[in-house]
């Protein structure tokens, strides 16, 4: 009987095993991105999880330069367009079930969330 009880405790310990979870957020709008980061961090701290971040990654700037003139004649005038993509990373150390509760917050429009779960 003692061997059966040991296996039961092993499976329950396996279910509560901590995972290293990396949440990657990216957006073109910094204000929305920072709001989602603050909400995620607040939810994780409320559940007493170990949180590191948000880590600000370098901004990617996509640039396109085009001629204003449709036919190619006239003075050489150009339009310069750019799109800035901001990225943040938040690392958590918690069970997988709690992450579902944390990430169920309302996410601002235009913010993309990617969740990666790895064993610690």
N, C-alpha and C. Protein backbone atom coordinates (compact mmCIF):
# COMPACT_ATOMS: atom_id res chain seq x y z
N UNK A 1 0.80 -1.19 0.00
CA UNK A 1 0.00 0.00 0.00
C UNK A 1 0.85 1.26 0.00
N UNK A 2 1.99 1.21 0.64
CA UNK A 2 2.82 2.40 0.72
C UNK A 2 3.35 2.79 -0.65
N UNK A 3 3.57 1.82 -1.54
CA UNK A 3 4.06 2.17 -2.88
C UNK A 3 2.99 2.88 -3.69
N UNK A 4 1.74 2.53 -3.50
CA UNK A 4 0.65 3.19 -4.21
C UNK A 4 0.52 4.63 -3.74
N UNK A 5 0.62 4.87 -2.46
CA UNK A 5 0.53 6.22 -1.93
C UNK A 5 1.67 7.09 -2.43
N UNK A 6 2.86 6.49 -2.55
CA UNK A 6 4.00 7.25 -3.05
C UNK A 6 3.79 7.69 -4.50
N UNK A 7 3.22 6.82 -5.32
CA UNK A 7 3.00 7.21 -6.71
C UNK A 7 1.94 8.29 -6.81
N UNK A 8 0.94 8.26 -5.94
CA UNK A 8 -0.08 9.30 -5.96
C UNK A 8 0.52 10.66 -5.60
N UNK A 9 1.38 10.70 -4.61
CA UNK A 9 2.00 11.97 -4.24
C UNK A 9 2.94 12.44 -5.33
N UNK A 10 3.56 11.53 -6.05
CA UNK A 10 4.47 11.91 -7.13
C UNK A 10 3.70 12.59 -8.26
N UNK A 11 2.52 12.06 -8.61
CA UNK A 11 1.75 12.68 -9.69
C UNK A 11 1.24 14.05 -9.28
N UNK A 12 0.83 14.22 -8.01
CA UNK A 12 0.36 15.53 -7.59
C UNK A 12 1.51 16.53 -7.56
N UNK A 13 2.72 16.08 -7.20
CA UNK A 13 3.88 16.96 -7.22
C UNK A 13 4.25 17.33 -8.66
N UNK A 14 4.02 16.40 -9.58
CA UNK A 14 4.32 16.66 -10.99
C UNK A 14 3.38 17.71 -11.56
N UNK A 15 2.12 17.70 -11.13
CA UNK A 15 1.15 18.66 -11.64
C UNK A 15 1.48 20.08 -11.19
N UNK A 16 2.01 20.24 -9.98
CA UNK A 16 2.31 21.57 -9.46
C UNK A 16 3.75 21.99 -9.75
N UNK A 17 4.40 21.29 -10.65
CA UNK A 17 5.79 21.62 -11.00
C UNK A 17 5.85 23.01 -11.63
N UNK A 18 6.86 23.76 -11.26
CA UNK A 18 7.00 25.12 -11.76
C UNK A 18 7.62 25.11 -13.16
N UNK A 19 7.10 25.97 -14.00
CA UNK A 19 7.59 26.13 -15.36
C UNK A 19 8.14 27.54 -15.52
N UNK A 20 9.12 27.66 -16.40
CA UNK A 20 9.62 28.99 -16.76
C UNK A 20 8.81 29.45 -17.96
N UNK A 21 8.09 30.53 -17.79
CA UNK A 21 7.17 31.02 -18.82
C UNK A 21 7.66 32.37 -19.30
N UNK A 22 7.78 32.51 -20.61
CA UNK A 22 8.21 33.77 -21.21
C UNK A 22 7.06 34.32 -22.04
N UNK A 23 6.63 35.53 -21.68
CA UNK A 23 5.56 36.21 -22.40
C UNK A 23 6.20 37.32 -23.22
N UNK A 24 6.04 37.25 -24.54
CA UNK A 24 6.59 38.26 -25.44
C UNK A 24 5.45 39.11 -25.97
N UNK A 25 5.54 40.41 -25.77
CA UNK A 25 4.51 41.35 -26.22
C UNK A 25 5.11 42.26 -27.27
N UNK A 26 4.37 42.50 -28.35
CA UNK A 26 4.86 43.43 -29.37
C UNK A 26 3.68 44.27 -29.87
N UNK A 27 3.98 45.53 -30.19
CA UNK A 27 2.94 46.45 -30.64
C UNK A 27 3.57 47.65 -31.33
N UNK A 28 2.75 48.35 -32.09
CA UNK A 28 3.18 49.61 -32.69
C UNK A 28 2.87 50.79 -31.77
N UNK A 29 1.97 50.58 -30.81
CA UNK A 29 1.55 51.64 -29.90
C UNK A 29 2.15 51.38 -28.52
N UNK A 30 3.03 52.28 -28.07
CA UNK A 30 3.74 52.09 -26.80
C UNK A 30 2.79 52.16 -25.61
N UNK A 31 1.82 53.05 -25.66
CA UNK A 31 0.91 53.25 -24.54
C UNK A 31 0.12 51.98 -24.25
N UNK A 32 -0.44 51.36 -25.28
CA UNK A 32 -1.19 50.11 -25.09
C UNK A 32 -0.28 48.99 -24.61
N UNK A 33 0.93 48.94 -25.14
CA UNK A 33 1.88 47.90 -24.76
C UNK A 33 2.26 48.01 -23.29
N UNK A 34 2.54 49.21 -22.82
CA UNK A 34 2.90 49.40 -21.42
C UNK A 34 1.74 49.09 -20.49
N UNK A 35 0.50 49.37 -20.93
CA UNK A 35 -0.67 49.07 -20.10
C UNK A 35 -0.84 47.56 -19.93
N UNK A 36 -0.67 46.80 -21.01
CA UNK A 36 -0.80 45.35 -20.93
C UNK A 36 0.32 44.77 -20.06
N UNK A 37 1.54 45.30 -20.20
CA UNK A 37 2.66 44.84 -19.36
C UNK A 37 2.37 45.08 -17.89
N UNK A 38 1.86 46.25 -17.57
CA UNK A 38 1.56 46.58 -16.17
C UNK A 38 0.46 45.66 -15.63
N UNK A 39 -0.56 45.38 -16.44
CA UNK A 39 -1.64 44.49 -15.99
C UNK A 39 -1.14 43.08 -15.76
N UNK A 40 -0.30 42.57 -16.66
CA UNK A 40 0.25 41.22 -16.50
C UNK A 40 1.12 41.13 -15.25
N UNK A 41 1.96 42.12 -15.05
CA UNK A 41 2.86 42.10 -13.89
C UNK A 41 2.07 42.21 -12.59
N UNK A 42 1.04 43.06 -12.59
CA UNK A 42 0.22 43.22 -11.39
C UNK A 42 -0.50 41.92 -11.05
N UNK A 43 -1.03 41.24 -12.07
CA UNK A 43 -1.70 39.96 -11.84
C UNK A 43 -0.76 38.89 -11.32
N UNK A 44 0.47 38.87 -11.81
CA UNK A 44 1.45 37.89 -11.35
C UNK A 44 1.91 38.17 -9.93
N UNK A 45 2.10 39.44 -9.60
CA UNK A 45 2.53 39.80 -8.25
C UNK A 45 1.41 39.51 -7.25
N UNK A 46 0.15 39.71 -7.65
CA UNK A 46 -0.97 39.41 -6.76
C UNK A 46 -1.03 37.92 -6.41
N UNK A 47 -0.57 37.06 -7.32
CA UNK A 47 -0.59 35.61 -7.07
C UNK A 47 0.73 35.13 -6.47
N UNK A 48 1.59 36.05 -6.05
CA UNK A 48 2.87 35.75 -5.41
C UNK A 48 3.78 34.89 -6.29
N UNK A 49 3.92 35.27 -7.55
CA UNK A 49 4.81 34.57 -8.46
C UNK A 49 6.10 35.35 -8.62
N UNK A 50 7.16 34.64 -9.00
CA UNK A 50 8.43 35.30 -9.27
C UNK A 50 8.37 35.88 -10.68
N UNK A 51 8.51 37.21 -10.78
CA UNK A 51 8.36 37.91 -12.05
C UNK A 51 9.64 38.69 -12.33
N UNK A 52 10.10 38.64 -13.57
CA UNK A 52 11.18 39.52 -13.99
C UNK A 52 10.75 40.20 -15.29
N UNK A 53 10.88 41.50 -15.30
CA UNK A 53 10.48 42.24 -16.49
C UNK A 53 9.48 43.29 -16.12
N UNK A 54 8.97 44.01 -17.08
CA UNK A 54 9.16 43.84 -18.51
C UNK A 54 10.52 44.36 -18.99
N UNK A 55 11.17 43.55 -19.80
CA UNK A 55 12.46 43.91 -20.39
C UNK A 55 12.17 44.55 -21.74
N UNK A 56 12.69 45.75 -21.95
CA UNK A 56 12.44 46.47 -23.18
C UNK A 56 13.50 46.11 -24.21
N UNK A 57 13.06 45.52 -25.32
CA UNK A 57 13.97 45.18 -26.40
C UNK A 57 14.10 46.36 -27.35
N UNK A 58 15.17 46.41 -28.15
CA UNK A 58 15.33 47.54 -29.07
C UNK A 58 14.16 47.64 -30.06
N UNK A 59 13.79 48.87 -30.36
CA UNK A 59 12.68 49.13 -31.27
C UNK A 59 13.12 48.87 -32.71
N UNK A 60 12.30 48.10 -33.43
CA UNK A 60 12.57 47.87 -34.85
C UNK A 60 11.89 48.98 -35.64
N UNK A 61 12.65 49.62 -36.50
CA UNK A 61 12.10 50.70 -37.32
C UNK A 61 12.13 50.24 -38.77
N UNK A 62 10.95 50.07 -39.36
CA UNK A 62 10.85 49.68 -40.76
C UNK A 62 10.64 50.94 -41.58
N UNK A 63 11.54 51.19 -42.53
CA UNK A 63 11.49 52.43 -43.31
C UNK A 63 11.25 52.12 -44.78
N UNK A 64 10.44 52.98 -45.42
CA UNK A 64 10.20 52.91 -46.86
C UNK A 64 10.30 54.33 -47.41
N UNK A 65 11.11 54.51 -48.45
CA UNK A 65 11.24 55.81 -49.11
C UNK A 65 10.73 55.65 -50.53
N UNK A 66 9.80 56.53 -50.95
CA UNK A 66 9.22 56.45 -52.30
C UNK A 66 9.23 57.82 -52.95
N UNK A 67 9.17 57.82 -54.27
CA UNK A 67 9.06 59.08 -55.01
C UNK A 67 7.64 59.59 -54.93
N UNK A 68 7.47 60.91 -54.78
CA UNK A 68 6.13 61.50 -54.74
C UNK A 68 5.49 61.53 -56.11
N UNK A 69 6.28 61.76 -57.12
CA UNK A 69 5.76 61.90 -58.47
C UNK A 69 5.35 60.55 -59.04
N UNK A 70 4.12 60.41 -59.55
CA UNK A 70 3.68 59.12 -60.08
C UNK A 70 4.33 58.77 -61.42
N UNK A 71 4.72 59.77 -62.22
CA UNK A 71 5.24 59.48 -63.55
C UNK A 71 6.77 59.49 -63.61
N UNK A 72 7.43 60.04 -62.59
CA UNK A 72 8.88 60.06 -62.60
C UNK A 72 9.46 61.38 -63.09
N UNK A 73 8.63 62.25 -63.67
CA UNK A 73 9.10 63.56 -64.13
C UNK A 73 8.99 64.56 -62.99
N UNK A 74 9.58 65.71 -63.17
CA UNK A 74 9.49 66.76 -62.17
C UNK A 74 10.66 66.70 -61.22
N UNK A 75 10.56 67.48 -60.15
CA UNK A 75 11.66 67.52 -59.20
C UNK A 75 11.70 66.22 -58.39
N UNK A 76 12.86 65.89 -57.95
CA UNK A 76 13.03 64.65 -57.19
C UNK A 76 12.61 64.88 -55.74
N UNK A 77 11.33 64.63 -55.45
CA UNK A 77 10.83 64.75 -54.08
C UNK A 77 10.43 63.36 -53.59
N UNK A 78 10.68 63.12 -52.34
CA UNK A 78 10.47 61.79 -51.78
C UNK A 78 9.59 61.86 -50.54
N UNK A 79 8.81 60.77 -50.34
CA UNK A 79 8.08 60.55 -49.10
C UNK A 79 8.82 59.50 -48.29
N UNK A 80 8.96 59.75 -47.00
CA UNK A 80 9.62 58.77 -46.12
C UNK A 80 8.61 58.30 -45.08
N UNK A 81 8.32 57.00 -45.11
CA UNK A 81 7.39 56.40 -44.16
C UNK A 81 8.17 55.47 -43.24
N UNK A 82 7.71 55.36 -42.00
CA UNK A 82 8.33 54.42 -41.08
C UNK A 82 7.30 53.85 -40.12
N UNK A 83 7.55 52.61 -39.70
CA UNK A 83 6.71 51.94 -38.72
C UNK A 83 7.63 51.44 -37.61
N UNK A 84 7.30 51.79 -36.37
CA UNK A 84 8.11 51.37 -35.23
C UNK A 84 7.41 50.22 -34.52
N UNK A 85 8.16 49.17 -34.26
CA UNK A 85 7.63 48.00 -33.55
C UNK A 85 8.36 47.88 -32.22
N UNK A 86 7.60 47.99 -31.12
CA UNK A 86 8.14 47.94 -29.78
C UNK A 86 7.90 46.55 -29.21
N UNK A 87 8.88 46.03 -28.45
CA UNK A 87 8.78 44.68 -27.88
C UNK A 87 9.12 44.70 -26.41
N UNK A 88 8.41 43.87 -25.62
CA UNK A 88 8.67 43.69 -24.20
C UNK A 88 8.66 42.20 -23.90
N UNK A 89 9.48 41.79 -22.92
CA UNK A 89 9.52 40.39 -22.49
C UNK A 89 9.29 40.35 -20.98
N UNK A 90 8.40 39.44 -20.55
CA UNK A 90 8.14 39.21 -19.13
C UNK A 90 8.39 37.73 -18.86
N UNK A 91 9.22 37.43 -17.86
CA UNK A 91 9.50 36.04 -17.47
C UNK A 91 8.80 35.74 -16.15
N UNK A 92 8.15 34.57 -16.09
CA UNK A 92 7.45 34.13 -14.89
C UNK A 92 7.95 32.75 -14.49
N UNK A 93 7.87 32.43 -13.22
CA UNK A 93 8.17 31.10 -12.71
C UNK A 93 6.94 30.65 -11.95
N UNK A 94 6.12 29.78 -12.59
CA UNK A 94 4.85 29.40 -11.99
C UNK A 94 4.31 28.13 -12.63
N UNK A 95 3.29 27.51 -12.03
CA UNK A 95 2.61 26.38 -12.66
C UNK A 95 1.83 26.84 -13.90
N UNK A 96 1.59 25.94 -14.81
CA UNK A 96 0.94 26.29 -16.08
C UNK A 96 -0.50 26.75 -15.89
N UNK A 97 -1.20 26.22 -14.88
CA UNK A 97 -2.62 26.58 -14.69
C UNK A 97 -2.77 28.05 -14.30
N UNK A 98 -1.85 28.56 -13.51
CA UNK A 98 -1.95 29.94 -13.04
C UNK A 98 -1.72 30.92 -14.19
N UNK A 99 -0.90 30.53 -15.16
CA UNK A 99 -0.63 31.42 -16.30
C UNK A 99 -1.90 31.66 -17.09
N UNK A 100 -2.75 30.65 -17.20
CA UNK A 100 -4.02 30.82 -17.91
C UNK A 100 -4.87 31.88 -17.22
N UNK A 101 -4.86 31.91 -15.90
CA UNK A 101 -5.63 32.91 -15.16
C UNK A 101 -5.04 34.31 -15.35
N UNK A 102 -3.72 34.40 -15.37
CA UNK A 102 -3.06 35.71 -15.50
C UNK A 102 -3.28 36.29 -16.89
N UNK A 103 -3.14 35.44 -17.92
CA UNK A 103 -3.25 35.94 -19.30
C UNK A 103 -4.70 36.10 -19.77
N UNK A 104 -5.67 35.85 -18.88
CA UNK A 104 -7.07 36.01 -19.27
C UNK A 104 -7.53 37.46 -19.15
N UNK A 105 -6.61 38.39 -18.87
CA UNK A 105 -6.97 39.81 -18.77
C UNK A 105 -7.32 40.35 -20.15
N UNK A 106 -8.00 41.48 -20.18
CA UNK A 106 -8.33 42.08 -21.47
C UNK A 106 -7.07 42.71 -22.06
N UNK A 107 -6.77 42.33 -23.29
CA UNK A 107 -5.57 42.81 -23.96
C UNK A 107 -5.97 43.92 -24.91
N UNK A 108 -5.23 45.01 -24.87
CA UNK A 108 -5.52 46.18 -25.69
C UNK A 108 -5.43 45.82 -27.18
N UNK A 109 -6.18 46.51 -28.03
CA UNK A 109 -6.09 46.24 -29.47
C UNK A 109 -4.73 46.64 -30.01
N UNK A 110 -4.22 45.83 -30.92
CA UNK A 110 -2.92 46.11 -31.53
C UNK A 110 -1.75 45.52 -30.80
N UNK A 111 -1.97 44.85 -29.66
CA UNK A 111 -0.89 44.24 -28.91
C UNK A 111 -0.91 42.74 -29.18
N UNK A 112 0.23 42.21 -29.63
CA UNK A 112 0.33 40.78 -29.92
C UNK A 112 1.04 40.10 -28.75
N UNK A 113 0.48 38.98 -28.30
CA UNK A 113 1.01 38.26 -27.14
C UNK A 113 1.46 36.87 -27.60
N UNK A 114 2.67 36.49 -27.18
CA UNK A 114 3.18 35.15 -27.47
C UNK A 114 3.66 34.56 -26.15
N UNK A 115 3.12 33.39 -25.79
CA UNK A 115 3.46 32.74 -24.53
C UNK A 115 4.27 31.48 -24.84
N UNK A 116 5.46 31.37 -24.23
CA UNK A 116 6.32 30.21 -24.41
C UNK A 116 6.53 29.58 -23.04
N UNK A 117 6.24 28.26 -22.94
CA UNK A 117 6.38 27.55 -21.68
C UNK A 117 7.56 26.58 -21.82
N UNK A 118 8.50 26.66 -20.87
CA UNK A 118 9.66 25.77 -20.86
C UNK A 118 9.80 25.18 -19.48
N UNK A 119 10.38 23.98 -19.40
CA UNK A 119 10.62 23.36 -18.10
C UNK A 119 11.79 24.06 -17.43
N UNK A 120 11.70 24.19 -16.11
CA UNK A 120 12.78 24.86 -15.39
C UNK A 120 13.77 23.84 -14.87
